[in-house]
Amino acid sequence: MQSANMLLKKILRSSVLPFAAQHGMKKDLFPLSRTLSLSLFLKQDNSCNPSEKMDLDAWKKVMKTGLQEEVSETVSEHKELSSLAAARKVLEMWRLAGRSVPENISEEQLKTFIECPSKSAKKKYLKYLYLKELYKKNDKRKMDEKRERRLEAAEQASKMGETKRNSFVCLWANSMDRAYSWRVAQSMIFGQPLVFDMSYENDMSVREVANTVRQLVLSEGCNRRSVDPFHIHFCNFKDDSLYHKEFIKHYREAWGKLLITVTDQCYTEVFPKDKLIYLTADSPKVMKTFDHNKVYIVGSMVDKSIKTGVSLARAKRLGLETAALPLEKYLLWNTGAKNLTLDQMMHILLTLKDTGDWKKALEFVPKRKYCGFVSKPVRELTKSLNLINTLKLGQRQEEIRKQFAKNYSKKLTQK
């Protein structure tokens, strides 16, 4: 009998009770389980052992503990729901009071808000959620405005009977692209080489590398559209580098179809040293004319902190000739570094290659960096400036002498 009772307990605990608890029938099952156990006792004779009574008492304790656990679970769920509702009411009050509270907040965010250790932490978390929601709203608003402007422009174009890209424009663009590609292909055989040194990755941050690649993309497009393009070489270029990843982001499938030379070799291994000239703003030697027989090297580096002397030191270690653009000779330079972007250098070199005119080439320097072009040689400007200073000084001395004489005469009259 004892073994049968134990077997009944196991069946109730393992299969029947979990099924009933899952479907919300646990309370209805208690009388049924009790009648089952009691029926087994009634089928016996009246002589019961104390151990069997103890087994029934143990079964009662097990059932009571199950009830208590279920009640505690429901109470904890009610407490959690009540705390979430209270937190939502608090947030609604804070929103009405004018605090930075998001309009829509999920249950997970609400639980995180409740678990914050202090009131200041709760305010900071709510402000973070508020700003995040605000940024999303602004982005959505900008996208809607952009879509509306695009629709308005399309309606105006349709009203005026103009098409943005007709067949003639498409044919013209395709033919021009073919012409540009043919020029660049010819430059790879007959053109003058231009080297970009890609060995500055360790000297820049990830953001600076991205800016460098963006400027190189602009330089490549400018070179491709020119009349006599350079043959661009990317030297010291390593696979799986930051440069490579950023180029793939910009060009995607077209990266393998670019008409440029990419190599991991140094430029000293590709070209003879006597033909190489490293262009750097830190060079003491100033470039006078553009030499079509030389191979110019431009350092592929964009640095916010303007690390002076990095490219010059690299050129000196390799024993290369260096040169700087004659900015002070042709421009009235303002205070600031004379570093230019890579696309500006490309425009300047292409103009020098085509025309040889420094004044026309240096028009690509940003206007904020200089006051104007020098109309006279520098020596004449310095002479005239020294003359103006001496005249000012002489006038000042004459004024001081007259003032002294006037004051001295007043003192004599007073005596």
Protein backbone atom coordinates (compact mmCIF):
# COMPACT_ATOMS: atom_id res chain seq x y z
CA MET A 1 0.00 0.00 0.00
CA GLN A 2 2.81 2.33 0.83
CA SER A 3 4.44 1.71 -2.55
CA ALA A 4 1.13 2.38 -4.34
CA ASN A 5 0.73 5.62 -2.43
CA MET A 6 4.23 6.73 -3.34
CA LEU A 7 3.59 5.84 -6.99
CA LEU A 8 0.43 7.94 -6.94
CA LYS A 9 2.37 10.86 -5.51
CA LYS A 10 4.98 10.61 -8.25
CA ILE A 11 2.33 10.50 -10.97
CA LEU A 12 0.59 13.54 -9.53
CA ARG A 13 3.81 15.51 -9.18
CA SER A 14 5.35 14.59 -12.53
CA SER A 15 2.48 14.68 -14.99
CA VAL A 16 -0.93 15.67 -13.66
CA LEU A 17 -0.05 18.64 -11.48
CA PRO A 18 2.17 20.49 -14.03
CA PHE A 19 -0.48 19.98 -16.73
CA ALA A 20 -3.16 21.37 -14.45
CA ALA A 21 -1.01 24.29 -13.40
CA GLN A 22 -0.27 25.11 -17.05
CA HIS A 23 -4.00 25.19 -17.92
CA GLY A 24 -5.19 26.89 -14.75
CA MET A 25 -6.91 23.83 -13.25
CA LYS A 26 -4.71 23.28 -10.24
CA LYS A 27 -7.32 24.27 -7.66
CA ASP A 28 -9.97 22.08 -9.31
CA LEU A 29 -7.59 19.18 -9.22
CA PHE A 30 -7.05 19.25 -5.45
CA PRO A 31 -10.41 17.60 -4.51
CA LEU A 32 -9.95 15.02 -7.25
CA SER A 33 -6.46 14.06 -6.07
CA ARG A 34 -7.70 13.89 -2.46
CA THR A 35 -10.60 11.56 -3.39
CA LEU A 36 -8.22 9.34 -5.32
CA SER A 37 -5.89 8.97 -2.38
CA LEU A 38 -8.76 8.47 0.08
CA SER A 39 -10.41 5.84 -2.10
CA LEU A 40 -7.23 3.80 -1.88
CA PHE A 41 -7.40 4.03 1.89
CA LEU A 42 -11.09 3.05 2.00
CA LYS A 43 -10.46 -0.09 -0.02
CA GLN A 44 -8.15 -1.28 2.71
CA ASP A 45 -9.15 -2.81 5.95
CA ASN A 46 -9.56 -0.70 9.04
CA SER A 47 -6.15 -1.67 10.42
CA CYS A 48 -3.88 1.18 9.26
CA ASN A 49 -0.30 1.59 10.11
CA PRO A 50 0.96 4.88 11.52
CA SER A 51 3.41 5.10 8.61
CA GLU A 52 0.51 5.24 6.13
CA LYS A 53 -1.07 8.10 8.08
CA MET A 54 2.25 9.88 8.04
CA ASP A 55 2.40 9.42 4.27
CA LEU A 56 -0.99 11.10 3.94
CA ASP A 57 0.17 13.96 6.11
CA ALA A 58 3.28 14.33 3.98
CA TRP A 59 1.13 14.41 0.88
CA LYS A 60 -0.95 17.22 2.45
CA LYS A 61 2.22 19.18 3.16
CA VAL A 62 3.40 18.77 -0.42
CA MET A 63 0.08 20.02 -1.76
CA LYS A 64 0.09 22.99 0.62
CA THR A 65 3.60 23.99 -0.44
CA GLY A 66 2.52 23.82 -4.09
CA LEU A 67 -0.37 26.12 -3.33
CA GLN A 68 1.89 28.54 -1.50
CA GLU A 69 4.36 28.64 -4.40
CA GLU A 70 1.56 29.34 -6.87
CA VAL A 71 0.16 32.09 -4.67
CA SER A 72 3.65 33.64 -4.25
CA GLU A 73 4.18 33.60 -8.02
CA THR A 74 0.86 35.35 -8.66
CA VAL A 75 1.62 37.88 -5.92
CA SER A 76 5.06 38.62 -7.42
CA GLU A 77 3.48 39.06 -10.86
CA HIS A 78 0.89 41.44 -9.41
CA LYS A 79 3.65 43.36 -7.62
CA GLU A 80 5.68 43.67 -10.82
CA LEU A 81 2.63 44.86 -12.78
CA SER A 82 1.78 47.35 -10.06
CA SER A 83 5.36 48.68 -9.98
CA LEU A 84 5.37 49.11 -13.77
CA ALA A 85 2.01 50.92 -13.62
CA ALA A 86 3.33 53.17 -10.84
CA ALA A 87 6.45 53.93 -12.85
CA ARG A 88 4.34 54.84 -15.89
CA LYS A 89 2.26 57.21 -13.73
CA VAL A 90 5.46 58.83 -12.42
CA LEU A 91 6.74 59.30 -15.98
CA GLU A 92 3.41 60.81 -17.02
CA MET A 93 3.62 63.27 -14.12
CA TRP A 94 7.20 64.18 -15.03
CA ARG A 95 6.16 64.70 -18.66
CA LEU A 96 3.35 67.03 -17.58
CA ALA A 97 5.83 68.87 -15.36
CA GLY A 98 7.96 69.62 -18.43
CA ARG A 99 10.85 67.24 -17.87
CA SER A 100 12.73 65.39 -20.62
CA VAL A 101 10.70 62.18 -20.76
CA PRO A 102 10.17 60.05 -23.90
CA GLU A 103 6.63 59.68 -25.20
CA ASN A 104 6.90 55.96 -25.96
CA ILE A 105 8.75 53.64 -23.60
CA SER A 106 8.83 49.85 -23.71
CA GLU A 107 8.55 47.46 -20.78
CA GLU A 108 12.25 46.60 -20.91
CA GLN A 109 13.19 50.28 -20.79
CA LEU A 110 10.70 50.75 -17.95
CA LYS A 111 12.28 47.89 -15.98
CA THR A 112 15.71 49.40 -16.56
CA PHE A 113 14.35 52.73 -15.32
CA ILE A 114 13.04 51.07 -12.14
CA GLU A 115 16.36 49.31 -11.52
CA CYS A 116 18.33 52.56 -11.63
CA PRO A 117 20.04 53.02 -8.25
CA SER A 118 19.36 56.73 -7.74
CA LYS A 119 17.08 59.51 -8.87
CA SER A 120 19.85 61.23 -10.82
CA ALA A 121 20.57 57.99 -12.68
CA LYS A 122 16.88 57.72 -13.55
CA LYS A 123 16.87 61.29 -14.87
CA LYS A 124 19.97 60.65 -16.99
CA TYR A 125 18.49 57.45 -18.42
CA LEU A 126 15.22 59.21 -19.26
CA LYS A 127 17.13 62.08 -20.89
CA TYR A 128 19.08 59.57 -22.98
CA LEU A 129 15.83 57.92 -24.13
CA TYR A 130 14.29 61.36 -24.79
CA LEU A 131 17.22 62.50 -26.97
CA LYS A 132 17.26 59.19 -28.82
CA GLU A 133 13.56 59.54 -29.60
CA LEU A 134 14.08 63.17 -30.61
CA TYR A 135 16.86 62.25 -33.05
CA LYS A 136 14.65 59.60 -34.61
CA LYS A 137 11.84 62.12 -35.04
CA ASN A 138 14.19 64.65 -36.64
CA ASP A 139 15.58 62.05 -39.05
CA LYS A 140 12.07 61.01 -40.01
CA ARG A 141 11.03 64.63 -40.49
CA LYS A 142 14.06 65.32 -42.72
CA MET A 143 13.34 62.24 -44.79
CA ASP A 144 9.71 63.30 -45.21
CA GLU A 145 10.74 66.81 -46.24
CA LYS A 146 13.27 65.41 -48.70
CA ARG A 147 10.63 63.11 -50.16
CA GLU A 148 8.19 66.02 -50.48
CA ARG A 149 10.81 68.17 -52.22
CA ARG A 150 11.61 65.33 -54.60
CA LEU A 151 7.93 64.88 -55.42
CA GLU A 152 7.48 68.61 -55.98
CA ALA A 153 10.50 68.72 -58.27
CA ALA A 154 9.17 65.75 -60.23
CA GLU A 155 5.77 67.41 -60.57
CA GLN A 156 7.34 70.66 -61.77
CA ALA A 157 9.50 68.78 -64.28
CA SER A 158 6.47 66.92 -65.58
CA LYS A 159 4.49 70.16 -65.86
CA MET A 160 7.27 71.90 -67.77
CA GLY A 161 7.58 68.88 -70.04
CA GLU A 162 11.22 68.32 -69.13
CA THR A 163 12.75 64.99 -68.33
CA LYS A 164 15.68 64.78 -65.99
CA ARG A 165 17.53 62.14 -67.98
CA ASN A 166 16.41 61.56 -71.52
CA SER A 167 17.93 59.20 -74.03
CA PHE A 168 20.28 61.84 -75.49
CA VAL A 169 21.71 62.70 -72.05
CA CYS A 170 22.23 59.02 -71.25
CA LEU A 171 23.97 58.45 -74.59
CA TRP A 172 26.17 61.50 -74.05
CA ALA A 173 27.12 60.38 -70.51
CA ASN A 174 27.99 56.87 -71.69
CA SER A 175 30.13 58.20 -74.53
CA MET A 176 31.95 60.61 -72.20
CA ASP A 177 32.64 57.82 -69.70
CA ARG A 178 34.14 55.75 -72.49
CA ALA A 179 36.29 58.69 -73.58
CA TYR A 180 37.53 59.27 -70.03
CA SER A 181 38.32 55.58 -69.61
CA TRP A 182 40.20 55.56 -72.89
CA ARG A 183 42.33 58.53 -71.78
CA VAL A 184 43.17 56.90 -68.47
CA ALA A 185 44.01 53.63 -70.22
CA GLN A 186 46.40 55.54 -72.49
CA SER A 187 47.96 57.28 -69.48
CA MET A 188 48.75 53.90 -67.93
CA ILE A 189 51.04 53.26 -70.91
CA PHE A 190 52.27 56.71 -71.99
CA GLY A 191 51.29 59.06 -69.13
CA GLN A 192 53.40 60.62 -66.39
CA PRO A 193 53.26 58.62 -63.13
CA LEU A 194 51.97 60.17 -59.91
CA VAL A 195 52.58 58.23 -56.68
CA PHE A 196 50.41 58.27 -53.54
CA ASP A 197 52.32 56.99 -50.52
CA MET A 198 49.93 54.70 -48.59
CA SER A 199 52.24 53.98 -45.64
CA TYR A 200 50.69 56.43 -43.14
CA GLU A 201 47.94 54.23 -41.74
CA ASN A 202 49.62 53.86 -38.33
CA ASP A 203 49.96 57.67 -38.01
CA MET A 204 46.22 58.30 -38.33
CA SER A 205 42.99 57.40 -36.60
CA VAL A 206 40.15 55.49 -38.28
CA ARG A 207 38.28 58.72 -38.98
CA GLU A 208 41.35 60.32 -40.55
CA VAL A 209 41.90 57.27 -42.77
CA ALA A 210 38.27 57.54 -43.95
CA ASN A 211 38.81 61.24 -44.78
CA THR A 212 42.01 60.36 -46.65
CA VAL A 213 40.25 57.75 -48.78
CA ARG A 214 37.42 60.19 -49.51
CA GLN A 215 39.95 62.74 -50.79
CA LEU A 216 41.70 60.05 -52.85
CA VAL A 217 38.38 59.13 -54.47
CA LEU A 218 37.87 62.78 -55.43
CA SER A 219 41.43 62.92 -56.76
CA GLU A 220 40.90 59.83 -58.91
CA GLY A 221 37.68 61.27 -60.36
CA CYS A 222 39.37 64.61 -61.11
CA ASN A 223 42.30 62.85 -62.79
CA ARG A 224 39.96 60.66 -64.88
CA ARG A 225 38.08 63.71 -66.23
CA SER A 226 41.22 65.70 -67.13
CA VAL A 227 42.55 66.15 -70.65
CA ASP A 228 45.97 64.60 -69.94
CA PRO A 229 45.59 62.43 -66.81
CA PHE A 230 48.35 61.01 -64.63
CA HIS A 231 49.09 57.33 -64.25
CA ILE A 232 48.19 56.96 -60.56
CA HIS A 233 50.22 54.56 -58.41
CA PHE A 234 49.16 53.48 -54.91
CA CYS A 235 52.45 52.29 -53.40
CA ASN A 236 52.93 50.59 -50.01
CA PHE A 237 49.29 49.47 -50.26
CA LYS A 238 48.52 46.39 -48.14
CA ASP A 239 45.52 44.11 -48.47
CA ASP A 240 43.04 44.00 -45.57
CA SER A 241 44.24 47.40 -44.38
CA LEU A 242 42.00 50.31 -43.39
CA TYR A 243 42.72 51.96 -46.74
CA HIS A 244 41.55 48.83 -48.56
CA LYS A 245 38.34 48.52 -46.53
CA GLU A 246 37.43 52.18 -47.07
CA PHE A 247 38.10 51.95 -50.81
CA ILE A 248 35.79 48.92 -51.07
CA LYS A 249 33.09 50.90 -49.22
CA HIS A 250 33.29 53.67 -51.82
CA TYR A 251 33.88 51.73 -55.04
CA ARG A 252 32.35 48.30 -54.19
CA GLU A 253 32.52 46.12 -57.33
CA ALA A 254 34.24 48.88 -59.35
CA TRP A 255 37.36 48.70 -57.15
CA GLY A 256 38.84 45.89 -59.26
CA LYS A 257 38.06 47.75 -62.51
CA LEU A 258 39.87 51.02 -61.72
CA LEU A 259 42.55 52.02 -64.23
CA ILE A 260 45.24 52.60 -61.61
CA THR A 261 48.27 50.65 -60.39
CA VAL A 262 48.05 49.27 -56.84
CA THR A 263 51.13 47.61 -55.35
CA ASP A 264 52.53 46.73 -51.96
CA GLN A 265 56.05 47.66 -53.09
CA CYS A 266 57.76 50.89 -52.15
CA TYR A 267 58.10 53.57 -54.83
CA THR A 268 61.90 53.29 -54.58
CA GLU A 269 61.56 49.72 -55.88
CA VAL A 270 59.30 50.72 -58.77
CA PHE A 271 61.05 53.92 -59.99
CA PRO A 272 64.69 55.07 -59.94
CA LYS A 273 65.54 57.35 -57.02
CA ASP A 274 66.92 60.17 -59.16
CA LYS A 275 63.48 60.66 -60.74
CA LEU A 276 61.51 60.80 -57.48
CA ILE A 277 60.49 64.07 -55.81
CA TYR A 278 58.54 63.97 -52.54
CA LEU A 279 56.08 66.88 -52.25
CA THR A 280 55.80 67.99 -48.62
CA ALA A 281 54.97 71.33 -47.00
CA ASP A 282 57.89 70.90 -44.56
CA SER A 283 60.57 70.82 -47.27
CA PRO A 284 63.12 73.70 -47.22
CA LYS A 285 63.38 73.53 -51.03
CA VAL A 286 60.69 75.38 -52.98
CA MET A 287 59.37 73.98 -56.26
CA LYS A 288 59.96 76.46 -59.11
CA THR A 289 58.67 74.70 -62.23
CA PHE A 290 56.82 71.51 -63.02
CA ASP A 291 59.11 68.83 -64.46
CA HIS A 292 57.40 66.36 -66.81
CA ASN A 293 60.26 63.89 -66.50
CA LYS A 294 60.02 63.52 -62.73
CA VAL A 295 57.79 61.28 -60.64
CA TYR A 296 56.08 63.28 -57.88
CA ILE A 297 55.09 61.60 -54.61
CA VAL A 298 52.20 62.80 -52.43
CA GLY A 299 51.75 61.47 -48.90
CA SER A 300 48.26 60.00 -48.38
CA MET A 301 47.74 61.48 -44.94
CA VAL A 302 45.08 63.68 -43.37
CA ASP A 303 45.81 64.66 -39.78
CA LYS A 304 43.74 66.90 -37.57
CA SER A 305 46.66 67.65 -35.26
CA ILE A 306 48.99 68.53 -38.22
CA LYS A 307 52.01 66.39 -37.44
CA THR A 308 54.85 68.36 -38.95
CA GLY A 309 57.90 66.67 -40.38
CA VAL A 310 56.49 63.14 -40.78
CA SER A 311 56.63 63.01 -44.58
CA LEU A 312 59.90 64.97 -44.67
CA ALA A 313 61.53 62.50 -42.28
CA ARG A 314 60.33 59.56 -44.38
CA ALA A 315 61.74 61.11 -47.57
CA LYS A 316 65.09 61.81 -45.88
CA ARG A 317 65.33 58.23 -44.60
CA LEU A 318 64.90 57.00 -48.18
CA GLY A 319 67.35 59.58 -49.54
CA LEU A 320 64.82 61.28 -51.83
CA GLU A 321 64.63 64.81 -53.15
CA THR A 322 61.90 66.94 -51.56
CA ALA A 323 60.02 70.06 -52.65
CA ALA A 324 57.27 72.36 -51.37
CA LEU A 325 54.77 74.43 -53.32
CA PRO A 326 55.72 78.14 -53.63
CA LEU A 327 52.72 79.39 -51.70
CA GLU A 328 54.38 82.41 -50.09
CA LYS A 329 55.92 83.47 -53.39
CA TYR A 330 52.57 83.83 -55.15
CA LEU A 331 50.06 84.22 -52.29
CA LEU A 332 49.69 86.67 -49.41
CA TRP A 333 49.41 83.86 -46.89
CA ASN A 334 47.49 84.21 -43.66
CA THR A 335 48.59 82.61 -40.42
CA GLY A 336 48.20 78.84 -40.43
CA ALA A 337 49.67 75.63 -41.80
CA LYS A 338 50.36 75.29 -45.51
CA ASN A 339 48.94 71.76 -45.75
CA LEU A 340 46.47 71.17 -48.58
CA THR A 341 44.03 68.33 -49.18
CA LEU A 342 44.83 65.55 -51.64
CA ASP A 343 42.19 66.58 -54.17
CA GLN A 344 43.49 70.17 -54.08
CA MET A 345 47.00 68.87 -54.76
CA MET A 346 45.65 66.85 -57.69
CA HIS A 347 43.95 69.94 -59.20
CA ILE A 348 47.14 72.00 -58.78
CA LEU A 349 49.41 69.36 -60.35
CA LEU A 350 47.04 68.76 -63.28
CA THR A 351 46.85 72.51 -63.99
CA LEU A 352 50.64 72.84 -63.79
CA LYS A 353 51.03 69.88 -66.12
CA ASP A 354 48.64 71.37 -68.70
CA THR A 355 49.50 75.09 -68.48
CA GLY A 356 52.59 75.62 -66.31
CA ASP A 357 50.92 78.72 -64.84
CA TRP A 358 51.37 78.92 -61.07
CA LYS A 359 48.79 81.66 -60.64
CA LYS A 360 46.14 79.60 -62.40
CA ALA A 361 47.12 76.45 -60.51
CA LEU A 362 47.10 78.07 -57.07
CA GLU A 363 43.52 79.25 -57.56
CA PHE A 364 42.52 75.84 -56.16
CA VAL A 365 43.94 76.84 -52.76
CA PRO A 366 41.01 77.74 -50.44
CA LYS A 367 40.32 81.47 -50.30
CA ARG A 368 40.27 81.50 -46.50
CA LYS A 369 43.98 80.67 -46.36
CA TYR A 370 45.31 83.76 -48.18
CA CYS A 371 44.43 87.41 -48.71
CA GLY A 372 45.24 87.57 -52.41
CA PHE A 373 47.89 87.05 -55.08
CA VAL A 374 51.23 88.83 -54.98
CA SER A 375 51.35 91.36 -57.83
CA LYS A 376 55.03 92.29 -57.29
CA PRO A 377 58.12 90.27 -56.44
CA VAL A 378 58.70 89.60 -52.78
CA ARG A 379 61.86 91.71 -52.60
CA GLU A 380 60.05 94.79 -53.88
CA LEU A 381 57.25 94.21 -51.38
CA THR A 382 59.69 93.95 -48.49
CA LYS A 383 61.48 97.13 -49.63
CA SER A 384 58.23 99.08 -49.85
CA LEU A 385 57.12 97.73 -46.48
CA ASN A 386 60.39 98.78 -44.84
CA LEU A 387 60.09 102.22 -46.42
CA ILE A 388 56.56 102.63 -45.07
CA ASN A 389 57.73 101.65 -41.60
CA THR A 390 60.62 104.11 -41.67
CA LEU A 391 58.34 106.92 -42.83
CA LYS A 392 55.90 106.12 -40.06
CA LEU A 393 58.73 106.12 -37.55
CA GLY A 394 60.05 109.46 -38.85
CA GLN A 395 56.62 111.07 -38.62
CA ARG A 396 56.26 109.78 -35.10
CA GLN A 397 59.62 111.25 -34.08
CA GLU A 398 58.66 114.63 -35.58
CA GLU A 399 55.37 114.62 -33.63
CA ILE A 400 57.21 113.82 -30.39
CA ARG A 401 59.70 116.69 -30.98
CA LYS A 402 56.89 119.20 -31.60
CA GLN A 403 54.99 118.07 -28.51
CA PHE A 404 58.13 118.39 -26.38
CA ALA A 405 58.79 121.90 -27.68
CA LYS A 406 55.20 122.93 -26.95
CA ASN A 407 55.31 121.59 -23.40
CA TYR A 408 58.72 123.22 -22.76
CA SER A 409 57.43 126.63 -23.91
CA LYS A 410 54.48 126.35 -21.54
CA LYS A 411 56.81 125.68 -18.62
CA LEU A 412 58.92 128.76 -19.47
CA THR A 413 55.85 131.03 -19.58
CA GLN A 414 54.65 129.72 -16.23
CA LYS A 415 57.97 130.64 -14.60
